[in-house]
């Protein structure tokens, strides 16, 4: 849910992943990974995301299991 909400907020502001990444000091690829639930942003990046996007959902303790499963399927 975290990544989905980040994507929704980014799109509401009319930003691409690359643009949001630049504003947050990371690559667009990192933003894509966050949106897909493959990784969580670091604390500084999360602060920057909040500054650009506003209120974020509560940060999960770890990336989503769904992303882990999709990763395994792609490898297999």
C-alpha atoms as a PDB file:
ATOM      1  CA  UNK A   1       0.000   0.000   0.000  1.00  0.00           C
ATOM      2  CA  UNK A   2       2.886   2.379   0.734  1.00  0.00           C
ATOM      3  CA  UNK A   3       4.210   2.282  -2.822  1.00  0.00           C
ATOM      4  CA  UNK A   4       0.766   2.549  -4.356  1.00  0.00           C
ATOM      5  CA  UNK A   5       0.098   5.687  -2.327  1.00  0.00           C
ATOM      6  CA  UNK A   6       3.455   7.195  -3.316  1.00  0.00           C
ATOM      7  CA  UNK A   7       2.524   6.594  -6.979  1.00  0.00           C
ATOM      8  CA  UNK A   8      -0.909   8.176  -6.515  1.00  0.00           C
ATOM      9  CA  UNK A   9       0.547  11.263  -4.848  1.00  0.00           C
ATOM     10  CA  UNK A  10       3.252  11.594  -7.509  1.00  0.00           C
ATOM     11  CA  UNK A  11       0.703  11.385 -10.311  1.00  0.00           C
ATOM     12  CA  UNK A  12      -1.607  13.890  -8.591  1.00  0.00           C
ATOM     13  CA  UNK A  13       1.251  16.374  -8.698  1.00  0.00           C
ATOM     14  CA  UNK A  14       1.917  15.635 -12.362  1.00  0.00           C
ATOM     15  CA  UNK A  15       5.437  14.339 -11.776  1.00  0.00           C
ATOM     16  CA  UNK A  16       7.285  11.535 -13.527  1.00  0.00           C
ATOM     17  CA  UNK A  17       9.342   9.058 -11.521  1.00  0.00           C
ATOM     18  CA  UNK A  18      12.472  10.746 -12.834  1.00  0.00           C
ATOM     19  CA  UNK A  19      11.279  14.208 -11.785  1.00  0.00           C
ATOM     20  CA  UNK A  20      10.328  13.036  -8.308  1.00  0.00           C
ATOM     21  CA  UNK A  21      13.642  11.244  -8.001  1.00  0.00           C
ATOM     22  CA  UNK A  22      15.547  14.416  -8.860  1.00  0.00           C
ATOM     23  CA  UNK A  23      13.587  16.378  -6.269  1.00  0.00           C
ATOM     24  CA  UNK A  24      14.402  13.717  -3.664  1.00  0.00           C
ATOM     25  CA  UNK A  25      18.044  13.172  -4.604  1.00  0.00           C
ATOM     26  CA  UNK A  26      17.604   9.645  -5.991  1.00  0.00           C
ATOM     27  CA  UNK A  27      17.102   8.133  -9.426  1.00  0.00           C
ATOM     28  CA  UNK A  28      13.770   7.560 -11.096  1.00  0.00           C
ATOM     29  CA  UNK A  29      14.545   3.825 -10.891  1.00  0.00           C
ATOM     30  CA  UNK A  30      14.592   4.042  -7.092  1.00  0.00           C
ATOM     31  CA  UNK A  31      11.195   5.750  -7.123  1.00  0.00           C
ATOM     32  CA  UNK A  32       9.895   2.948  -9.361  1.00  0.00           C
ATOM     33  CA  UNK A  33      11.184   0.327  -6.928  1.00  0.00           C
ATOM     34  CA  UNK A  34       9.500   2.104  -4.031  1.00  0.00           C
ATOM     35  CA  UNK A  35       6.218   2.315  -5.959  1.00  0.00           C
ATOM     36  CA  UNK A  36       6.350  -1.400  -6.808  1.00  0.00           C
ATOM     37  CA  UNK A  37       7.074  -2.303  -3.189  1.00  0.00           C
ATOM     38  CA  UNK A  38      10.495  -3.729  -4.008  1.00  0.00           C
ATOM     39  CA  UNK A  39      12.308  -1.420  -1.601  1.00  0.00           C
ATOM     40  CA  UNK A  40      11.664   1.202   1.009  1.00  0.00           C
ATOM     41  CA  UNK A  41      13.163   4.669   0.810  1.00  0.00           C
ATOM     42  CA  UNK A  42      15.916   5.588   3.222  1.00  0.00           C
ATOM     43  CA  UNK A  43      15.005   7.933   6.040  1.00  0.00           C
ATOM     44  CA  UNK A  44      16.391  11.025   4.277  1.00  0.00           C
ATOM     45  CA  UNK A  45      14.662  10.106   1.031  1.00  0.00           C
ATOM     46  CA  UNK A  46      11.428   9.537   2.908  1.00  0.00           C
ATOM     47  CA  UNK A  47      11.722  13.005   4.460  1.00  0.00           C
ATOM     48  CA  UNK A  48      12.244  14.484   1.003  1.00  0.00           C
ATOM     49  CA  UNK A  49       9.278  12.510  -0.377  1.00  0.00           C
ATOM     50  CA  UNK A  50       7.138  13.923   2.426  1.00  0.00           C
ATOM     51  CA  UNK A  51       8.338  17.448   1.646  1.00  0.00           C
ATOM     52  CA  UNK A  52       7.395  17.059  -2.036  1.00  0.00           C
ATOM     53  CA  UNK A  53       4.287  14.871  -1.798  1.00  0.00           C
ATOM     54  CA  UNK A  54       2.861  15.823   1.578  1.00  0.00           C
ATOM     55  CA  UNK A  55       1.475  13.235   3.974  1.00  0.00           C
ATOM     56  CA  UNK A  56       2.725   9.718   3.324  1.00  0.00           C
ATOM     57  CA  UNK A  57       1.212   6.533   4.694  1.00  0.00           C
ATOM     58  CA  UNK A  58       2.920   4.844   7.614  1.00  0.00           C
ATOM     59  CA  UNK A  59       6.176   3.282   6.502  1.00  0.00           C
ATOM     60  CA  UNK A  60       6.082  -0.526   6.587  1.00  0.00           C
ATOM     61  CA  UNK A  61       8.821  -2.393   8.448  1.00  0.00           C
ATOM     62  CA  UNK A  62      10.032  -4.105   5.275  1.00  0.00           C
ATOM     63  CA  UNK A  63       9.284  -4.271   1.533  1.00  0.00           C
ATOM     64  CA  UNK A  64       6.098  -6.035   0.523  1.00  0.00           C
ATOM     65  CA  UNK A  65       6.042  -9.811   0.265  1.00  0.00           C
ATOM     66  CA  UNK A  66       4.241  -9.450  -3.047  1.00  0.00           C
ATOM     67  CA  UNK A  67       7.314  -7.754  -4.495  1.00  0.00           C
ATOM     68  CA  UNK A  68       9.495 -10.573  -3.173  1.00  0.00           C
ATOM     69  CA  UNK A  69       7.261 -13.165  -4.831  1.00  0.00           C
ATOM     70  CA  UNK A  70       7.235 -11.305  -8.137  1.00  0.00           C
ATOM     71  CA  UNK A  71      11.020 -11.138  -8.015  1.00  0.00           C
ATOM     72  CA  UNK A  72      11.275 -14.879  -7.537  1.00  0.00           C
ATOM     73  CA  UNK A  73       8.880 -15.529 -10.406  1.00  0.00           C
ATOM     74  CA  UNK A  74      10.912 -13.315 -12.734  1.00  0.00           C
ATOM     75  CA  UNK A  75      14.108 -15.169 -11.848  1.00  0.00           C
ATOM     76  CA  UNK A  76      12.540 -18.623 -12.187  1.00  0.00           C
END
